[in-house]
C-alpha atoms as a PDB file:
ATOM      1  CA  MET A   1      -4.230 -17.034 -17.199  1.00  0.00           C
ATOM      2  CA  GLU A   2      -0.875 -17.863 -18.970  1.00  0.00           C
ATOM      3  CA  LYS A   3       1.517 -14.768 -19.469  1.00  0.00           C
ATOM      4  CA  HIS A   4       1.486 -14.901 -23.146  1.00  0.00           C
ATOM      5  CA  SER A   5      -2.487 -14.360 -23.133  1.00  0.00           C
ATOM      6  CA  MET A   6      -2.157 -11.293 -21.186  1.00  0.00           C
ATOM      7  CA  PRO A   7      -2.257  -7.944 -23.286  1.00  0.00           C
ATOM      8  CA  SER A   8       1.367  -6.748 -23.636  1.00  0.00           C
ATOM      9  CA  SER A   9       0.651  -3.306 -24.921  1.00  0.00           C
ATOM     10  CA  ILE A  10      -1.932  -2.255 -21.832  1.00  0.00           C
ATOM     11  CA  ARG A  11       0.456  -1.185 -18.760  1.00  0.00           C
ATOM     12  CA  GLY A  12      -0.459  -0.730 -15.167  1.00  0.00           C
ATOM     13  CA  VAL A  13       0.117   0.820 -11.986  1.00  0.00           C
ATOM     14  CA  ILE A  14      -0.516  -0.843  -8.842  1.00  0.00           C
ATOM     15  CA  TRP A  15      -0.824   1.603  -5.800  1.00  0.00           C
ATOM     16  CA  ASP A  16      -0.090   1.128  -2.141  1.00  0.00           C
ATOM     17  CA  LEU A  17      -2.499   3.205  -0.200  1.00  0.00           C
ATOM     18  CA  ASP A  18      -0.972   4.438   3.060  1.00  0.00           C
ATOM     19  CA  GLY A  19       1.980   6.980   2.748  1.00  0.00           C
ATOM     20  CA  VAL A  20       1.669   6.710  -1.053  1.00  0.00           C
ATOM     21  CA  ILE A  21      -2.133   8.197  -1.615  1.00  0.00           C
ATOM     22  CA  ILE A  22      -3.114   9.376   1.581  1.00  0.00           C
ATOM     23  CA  ASP A  23      -1.164  10.908   4.534  1.00  0.00           C
ATOM     24  CA  SER A  24      -2.333   8.396   7.055  1.00  0.00           C
ATOM     25  CA  SER A  25       1.107   7.627   9.136  1.00  0.00           C
ATOM     26  CA  GLU A  26       0.051   9.833  12.283  1.00  0.00           C
ATOM     27  CA  GLN A  27      -3.340   8.373  12.496  1.00  0.00           C
ATOM     28  CA  HIS A  28      -1.812   4.883  12.248  1.00  0.00           C
ATOM     29  CA  TRP A  29       0.939   5.831  14.925  1.00  0.00           C
ATOM     30  CA  GLN A  30      -1.832   7.409  17.521  1.00  0.00           C
ATOM     31  CA  SER A  31      -3.813   4.167  16.852  1.00  0.00           C
ATOM     32  CA  TRP A  32      -1.340   1.670  17.573  1.00  0.00           C
ATOM     33  CA  LYS A  33       0.004   3.998  20.353  1.00  0.00           C
ATOM     34  CA  ALA A  34      -3.594   4.048  21.830  1.00  0.00           C
ATOM     35  CA  LEU A  35      -3.837  -0.040  21.555  1.00  0.00           C
ATOM     36  CA  ALA A  36      -0.465  -0.377  23.183  1.00  0.00           C
ATOM     37  CA  SER A  37      -1.083   1.863  26.108  1.00  0.00           C
ATOM     38  CA  ALA A  38      -4.828   0.149  26.791  1.00  0.00           C
ATOM     39  CA  THR A  39      -3.060  -3.385  26.528  1.00  0.00           C
ATOM     40  CA  LYS A  40       0.299  -2.315  28.488  1.00  0.00           C
ATOM     41  CA  VAL A  41       2.337  -3.621  25.723  1.00  0.00           C
ATOM     42  CA  HIS A  42       5.735  -1.746  24.703  1.00  0.00           C
ATOM     43  CA  PHE A  43       5.258  -0.669  21.106  1.00  0.00           C
ATOM     44  CA  THR A  44       7.475   2.309  20.095  1.00  0.00           C
ATOM     45  CA  GLN A  45       7.404   4.661  17.147  1.00  0.00           C
ATOM     46  CA  ALA A  46      10.619   2.636  16.001  1.00  0.00           C
ATOM     47  CA  ASP A  47       8.552  -0.387  16.022  1.00  0.00           C
ATOM     48  CA  PHE A  48       5.753   1.362  14.341  1.00  0.00           C
ATOM     49  CA  GLN A  49       8.003   2.580  11.356  1.00  0.00           C
ATOM     50  CA  LYS A  50       9.736  -1.066  10.994  1.00  0.00           C
ATOM     51  CA  THR A  51       6.504  -2.854  10.646  1.00  0.00           C
ATOM     52  CA  PHE A  52       4.763   0.059   8.443  1.00  0.00           C
ATOM     53  CA  GLY A  53       3.212  -1.538   5.473  1.00  0.00           C
ATOM     54  CA  MET A  54       2.565  -5.012   7.103  1.00  0.00           C
ATOM     55  CA  ARG A  55      -0.588  -6.755   7.890  1.00  0.00           C
ATOM     56  CA  ASN A  56      -1.807  -6.609  11.468  1.00  0.00           C
ATOM     57  CA  ALA A  57      -2.186 -10.307  11.694  1.00  0.00           C
ATOM     58  CA  ASP A  58       1.841 -10.170  11.310  1.00  0.00           C
ATOM     59  CA  ILE A  59       2.366  -7.206  13.467  1.00  0.00           C
ATOM     60  CA  ILE A  60       0.372  -8.102  16.680  1.00  0.00           C
ATOM     61  CA  PRO A  61       2.072 -11.499  17.262  1.00  0.00           C
ATOM     62  CA  GLN A  62       5.390 -10.024  17.145  1.00  0.00           C
ATOM     63  CA  TYR A  63       4.730  -7.448  19.742  1.00  0.00           C
ATOM     64  CA  TRP A  64       1.670  -8.650  22.026  1.00  0.00           C
ATOM     65  CA  GLN A  65       3.124 -12.166  22.233  1.00  0.00           C
ATOM     66  CA  ILE A  66      -0.154 -13.903  21.258  1.00  0.00           C
ATOM     67  CA  GLU A  67      -0.958 -16.583  19.008  1.00  0.00           C
ATOM     68  CA  SER A  68      -4.739 -17.146  19.158  1.00  0.00           C
ATOM     69  CA  ALA A  69      -6.259 -15.932  15.805  1.00  0.00           C
ATOM     70  CA  GLU A  70      -9.438 -14.713  17.806  1.00  0.00           C
ATOM     71  CA  GLU A  71      -7.335 -12.574  20.064  1.00  0.00           C
ATOM     72  CA  ILE A  72      -5.232 -11.130  17.294  1.00  0.00           C
ATOM     73  CA  ALA A  73      -8.311 -10.266  15.316  1.00  0.00           C
ATOM     74  CA  HIS A  74      -9.953  -8.515  18.142  1.00  0.00           C
ATOM     75  CA  LEU A  75      -6.999  -6.507  18.669  1.00  0.00           C
ATOM     76  CA  ALA A  76      -6.723  -5.837  14.995  1.00  0.00           C
ATOM     77  CA  HIS A  77     -10.343  -4.637  15.055  1.00  0.00           C
ATOM     78  CA  GLN A  78      -9.698  -2.130  18.059  1.00  0.00           C
ATOM     79  CA  LYS A  79      -6.760  -0.750  16.807  1.00  0.00           C
ATOM     80  CA  GLU A  80      -8.662  -0.153  13.122  1.00  0.00           C
ATOM     81  CA  GLU A  81     -11.634   1.105  14.706  1.00  0.00           C
ATOM     82  CA  LEU A  82      -9.618   4.039  16.540  1.00  0.00           C
ATOM     83  CA  TYR A  83      -7.572   4.474  13.122  1.00  0.00           C
ATOM     84  CA  ARG A  84     -10.908   5.237  11.282  1.00  0.00           C
ATOM     85  CA  GLU A  85     -12.229   7.356  14.149  1.00  0.00           C
ATOM     86  CA  LEU A  86      -8.895   9.498  13.358  1.00  0.00           C
ATOM     87  CA  LEU A  87      -9.382   9.386   9.685  1.00  0.00           C
ATOM     88  CA  ARG A  88     -12.426  10.505   9.362  1.00  0.00           C
ATOM     89  CA  LYS A  89     -11.476  13.616  11.473  1.00  0.00           C
ATOM     90  CA  ASP A  90      -8.714  14.547   8.698  1.00  0.00           C
ATOM     91  CA  ALA A  91      -8.151  12.732   5.666  1.00  0.00           C
ATOM     92  CA  ARG A  92      -5.949  14.155   2.901  1.00  0.00           C
ATOM     93  CA  ALA A  93      -4.051  13.187  -0.063  1.00  0.00           C
ATOM     94  CA  LEU A  94      -0.258  13.286  -0.421  1.00  0.00           C
ATOM     95  CA  PRO A  95       1.020  15.797  -2.755  1.00  0.00           C
ATOM     96  CA  GLY A  96       0.543  14.687  -6.810  1.00  0.00           C
ATOM     97  CA  ALA A  97      -1.054  11.558  -6.245  1.00  0.00           C
ATOM     98  CA  LEU A  98      -4.459  12.534  -7.408  1.00  0.00           C
ATOM     99  CA  GLU A  99      -3.007  14.310 -10.382  1.00  0.00           C
ATOM    100  CA  LEU A 100      -0.747  11.447 -10.962  1.00  0.00           C
ATOM    101  CA  MET A 101      -3.431   8.806 -10.804  1.00  0.00           C
ATOM    102  CA  ALA A 102      -5.791  11.113 -13.471  1.00  0.00           C
ATOM    103  CA  SER A 103      -2.820  11.512 -15.693  1.00  0.00           C
ATOM    104  CA  ILE A 104      -2.303   7.888 -15.769  1.00  0.00           C
ATOM    105  CA  GLN A 105      -6.139   7.100 -16.130  1.00  0.00           C
ATOM    106  CA  ALA A 106      -6.212   9.863 -19.188  1.00  0.00           C
ATOM    107  CA  GLN A 107      -3.529   7.791 -21.219  1.00  0.00           C
ATOM    108  CA  GLY A 108      -5.249   4.681 -21.010  1.00  0.00           C
ATOM    109  CA  TRP A 109      -3.207   2.810 -18.582  1.00  0.00           C
ATOM    110  CA  ARG A 110      -5.034   0.463 -15.786  1.00  0.00           C
ATOM    111  CA  GLN A 111      -4.729   1.129 -12.077  1.00  0.00           C
ATOM    112  CA  ALA A 112      -5.308  -0.892  -9.086  1.00  0.00           C
ATOM    113  CA  LEU A 113      -4.808  -0.658  -5.438  1.00  0.00           C
ATOM    114  CA  GLY A 114      -2.662  -3.178  -3.646  1.00  0.00           C
ATOM    115  CA  SER A 115      -2.692  -2.233   0.034  1.00  0.00           C
ATOM    116  CA  SER A 116      -2.522  -4.333   3.537  1.00  0.00           C
ATOM    117  CA  ALA A 117      -4.949  -2.186   4.703  1.00  0.00           C
ATOM    118  CA  PRO A 118      -8.555  -4.045   5.989  1.00  0.00           C
ATOM    119  CA  MET A 119     -11.173  -3.426   2.889  1.00  0.00           C
ATOM    120  CA  GLU A 120     -13.332  -1.366   5.291  1.00  0.00           C
ATOM    121  CA  ASN A 121     -10.225   1.235   5.544  1.00  0.00           C
ATOM    122  CA  ILE A 122      -9.750   1.040   1.730  1.00  0.00           C
ATOM    123  CA  GLN A 123     -13.495   1.718   1.038  1.00  0.00           C
ATOM    124  CA  ILE A 124     -13.507   4.842   3.587  1.00  0.00           C
ATOM    125  CA  VAL A 125     -10.550   6.363   1.935  1.00  0.00           C
ATOM    126  CA  LEU A 126     -11.961   5.297  -1.715  1.00  0.00           C
ATOM    127  CA  ASP A 127     -14.935   7.786  -0.559  1.00  0.00           C
ATOM    128  CA  LEU A 128     -13.090  10.261   1.328  1.00  0.00           C
ATOM    129  CA  LEU A 129     -10.604  11.108  -1.411  1.00  0.00           C
ATOM    130  CA  GLY A 130     -13.001  10.241  -4.236  1.00  0.00           C
ATOM    131  CA  LEU A 131     -10.721   7.340  -5.899  1.00  0.00           C
ATOM    132  CA  ARG A 132     -13.270   5.277  -7.100  1.00  0.00           C
ATOM    133  CA  GLY A 133     -13.499   6.492 -10.616  1.00  0.00           C
ATOM    134  CA  LEU A 134      -9.895   6.103 -11.048  1.00  0.00           C
ATOM    135  CA  LEU A 135      -9.448   2.677 -10.008  1.00  0.00           C
ATOM    136  CA  ASP A 136      -9.725  -0.447 -12.194  1.00  0.00           C
ATOM    137  CA  ALA A 137      -9.447  -2.961  -9.080  1.00  0.00           C
ATOM    138  CA  VAL A 138      -8.873  -2.934  -5.620  1.00  0.00           C
ATOM    139  CA  VAL A 139      -7.201  -5.714  -3.563  1.00  0.00           C
ATOM    140  CA  SER A 140      -6.919  -5.964   0.244  1.00  0.00           C
ATOM    141  CA  GLY A 141      -4.493  -7.697   2.212  1.00  0.00           C
ATOM    142  CA  GLU A 142      -7.458  -9.615   3.784  1.00  0.00           C
ATOM    143  CA  GLU A 143      -8.029 -11.248   0.702  1.00  0.00           C
ATOM    144  CA  THR A 144      -4.836 -12.824   0.169  1.00  0.00           C
ATOM    145  CA  PRO A 145      -2.773 -15.693   1.912  1.00  0.00           C
ATOM    146  CA  ASN A 146       0.614 -14.070   2.717  1.00  0.00           C
ATOM    147  CA  GLY A 147       1.153 -10.321   3.465  1.00  0.00           C
ATOM    148  CA  LYS A 148       3.822  -8.004   2.343  1.00  0.00           C
ATOM    149  CA  PRO A 149       6.879  -8.621   1.755  1.00  0.00           C
ATOM    150  CA  ALA A 150       5.352 -11.900   0.151  1.00  0.00           C
ATOM    151  CA  PRO A 151       4.068 -10.676  -3.388  1.00  0.00           C
ATOM    152  CA  ASP A 152       0.506 -12.141  -2.994  1.00  0.00           C
ATOM    153  CA  ILE A 153      -1.225  -8.822  -3.035  1.00  0.00           C
ATOM    154  CA  PHE A 154       0.500  -7.353  -5.991  1.00  0.00           C
ATOM    155  CA  LEU A 155      -0.061 -10.428  -7.898  1.00  0.00           C
ATOM    156  CA  ALA A 156      -3.496 -10.505  -7.342  1.00  0.00           C
ATOM    157  CA  ALA A 157      -3.679  -6.734  -8.427  1.00  0.00           C
ATOM    158  CA  ALA A 158      -2.111  -7.846 -11.464  1.00  0.00           C
ATOM    159  CA  ARG A 159      -4.534 -10.582 -12.432  1.00  0.00           C
ATOM    160  CA  ALA A 160      -7.417  -8.380 -11.689  1.00  0.00           C
ATOM    161  CA  LEU A 161      -6.017  -5.884 -14.386  1.00  0.00           C
ATOM    162  CA  ASN A 162      -5.271  -8.863 -16.644  1.00  0.00           C
ATOM    163  CA  LEU A 163      -1.771  -7.591 -17.106  1.00  0.00           C
ATOM    164  CA  ALA A 164       1.359  -9.706 -16.589  1.00  0.00           C
ATOM    165  CA  PRO A 165       3.487  -8.689 -13.672  1.00  0.00           C
ATOM    166  CA  TYR A 166       6.171  -7.256 -15.851  1.00  0.00           C
ATOM    167  CA  ASN A 167       3.830  -4.848 -17.532  1.00  0.00           C
ATOM    168  CA  CYS A 168       3.167  -3.255 -14.257  1.00  0.00           C
ATOM    169  CA  VAL A 169       4.552  -0.700 -11.847  1.00  0.00           C
ATOM    170  CA  VAL A 170       4.018  -0.736  -8.095  1.00  0.00           C
ATOM    171  CA  ILE A 171       4.300   2.578  -6.401  1.00  0.00           C
ATOM    172  CA  GLU A 172       5.212   2.164  -2.729  1.00  0.00           C
ATOM    173  CA  ASP A 173       6.649   3.773   0.353  1.00  0.00           C
ATOM    174  CA  ALA A 174       7.531   0.728   2.720  1.00  0.00           C
ATOM    175  CA  VAL A 175      10.404  -1.360   2.447  1.00  0.00           C
ATOM    176  CA  ALA A 176       7.927  -4.430   2.974  1.00  0.00           C
ATOM    177  CA  GLY A 177       6.181  -3.258  -0.078  1.00  0.00           C
ATOM    178  CA  VAL A 178       9.022  -2.930  -2.375  1.00  0.00           C
ATOM    179  CA  GLN A 179      10.289  -6.390  -1.538  1.00  0.00           C
ATOM    180  CA  ALA A 180       7.042  -7.535  -2.507  1.00  0.00           C
ATOM    181  CA  ALA A 181       6.855  -6.058  -5.581  1.00  0.00           C
ATOM    182  CA  ARG A 182      10.121  -7.387  -6.769  1.00  0.00           C
ATOM    183  CA  ALA A 183       9.251 -10.660  -5.412  1.00  0.00           C
ATOM    184  CA  GLY A 184       6.476 -10.436  -8.123  1.00  0.00           C
ATOM    185  CA  GLY A 185       8.612  -9.723 -10.867  1.00  0.00           C
ATOM    186  CA  MET A 186       7.376  -6.005 -10.937  1.00  0.00           C
ATOM    187  CA  HIS A 187       9.087  -2.667 -11.428  1.00  0.00           C
ATOM    188  CA  SER A 188       8.757  -0.470  -8.495  1.00  0.00           C
ATOM    189  CA  ILE A 189       9.126   3.025  -7.426  1.00  0.00           C
ATOM    190  CA  ALA A 190       9.673   4.317  -3.962  1.00  0.00           C
ATOM    191  CA  VAL A 191       8.507   7.374  -2.461  1.00  0.00           C
ATOM    192  CA  THR A 192       9.828   9.167   0.460  1.00  0.00           C
ATOM    193  CA  ASN A 193       7.563  11.890   1.292  1.00  0.00           C
ATOM    194  CA  GLY A 194      10.389  13.434   3.343  1.00  0.00           C
ATOM    195  CA  HIS A 195      11.349  10.318   5.204  1.00  0.00           C
ATOM    196  CA  PRO A 196      14.344   9.293   3.408  1.00  0.00           C
ATOM    197  CA  ASN A 197      15.233   5.738   3.896  1.00  0.00           C
ATOM    198  CA  ARG A 198      18.346   3.694   2.412  1.00  0.00           C
ATOM    199  CA  GLU A 199      16.789   0.493   2.382  1.00  0.00           C
ATOM    200  CA  LEU A 200      14.110   1.736  -0.373  1.00  0.00           C
ATOM    201  CA  GLU A 201      17.078   2.103  -2.770  1.00  0.00           C
ATOM    202  CA  ILE A 202      16.314  -1.384  -3.620  1.00  0.00           C
ATOM    203  CA  ALA A 203      13.358   0.095  -5.760  1.00  0.00           C
ATOM    204  CA  ASP A 204      14.013   0.680  -9.254  1.00  0.00           C
ATOM    205  CA  ARG A 205      13.558   4.226  -8.557  1.00  0.00           C
ATOM    206  CA  VAL A 206      13.273   6.419  -5.377  1.00  0.00           C
ATOM    207  CA  VAL A 207      11.356   9.990  -5.359  1.00  0.00           C
ATOM    208  CA  ALA A 208      10.766  12.223  -2.724  1.00  0.00           C
ATOM    209  CA  SER A 209       7.288  13.118  -3.736  1.00  0.00           C
ATOM    210  CA  LEU A 210       4.830  12.134  -6.520  1.00  0.00           C
ATOM    211  CA  ARG A 211       5.077  15.534  -7.779  1.00  0.00           C
ATOM    212  CA  ASP A 212       8.198  14.671  -8.980  1.00  0.00           C
ATOM    213  CA  LEU A 213       6.801  11.479 -11.140  1.00  0.00           C
ATOM    214  CA  THR A 214       5.233  11.655 -14.685  1.00  0.00           C
ATOM    215  CA  LEU A 215       3.751   9.274 -16.903  1.00  0.00           C
ATOM    216  CA  ARG A 216       7.123   9.666 -19.367  1.00  0.00           C
ATOM    217  CA  ASP A 217       8.983   8.537 -16.069  1.00  0.00           C
ATOM    218  CA  LEU A 218       6.826   5.126 -15.905  1.00  0.00           C
ATOM    219  CA  ASN A 219       7.150   4.373 -19.613  1.00  0.00           C
ATOM    220  CA  ALA A 220      10.823   5.015 -19.427  1.00  0.00           C
ATOM    221  CA  LEU A 221      10.918   2.337 -16.538  1.00  0.00           C
ATOM    222  CA  LEU A 222       8.955  -0.210 -18.317  1.00  0.00           C
ATOM    223  CA  GLY A 223      11.265   0.195 -21.531  1.00  0.00           C
END
């Protein structure tokens, strides 16, 4: 759809999932750690932090040194099975996330999820946190040709909302995600949740917690 045919009065928020809506960093780290140990691959917590927000298909070739799509998919499946098992035991929303989502919905804004996570992971989180009624669209990295920092996921989410990129704000916690938002011509907010990172300062705004963010702030960002 051409940009001029998209509604200009409607605005939207595109949410990352892990580290923004759900506190899942520890489960992801433990599942990567277990996979690395089982396969005798050197993968440190620094490596994990560096690649957080990227797709498994982009991470695994870097550290497991394999190119076979079948082998990559097999390892990715192992990792995500471990992750989902951990997540089912302890899933919690990050402070302010659900409240802000409800406030955005009440004001008539559209909301989408744009996550690098496999759709199976996303579906579990939607159910565990009760997010289905708050979102108008869901896009997984499995559905797009390129993962973050390419803008594909967020552009697909904007299309699903029938909004132009410049009418969307992306909320992210990873550098790759903020880069993807910028590459897609969208405004971005980075939330650190107690893990400050100077590289996130490329976002239009950085907040320590979603409790520090209001709908008025989002409106001001879009102008």
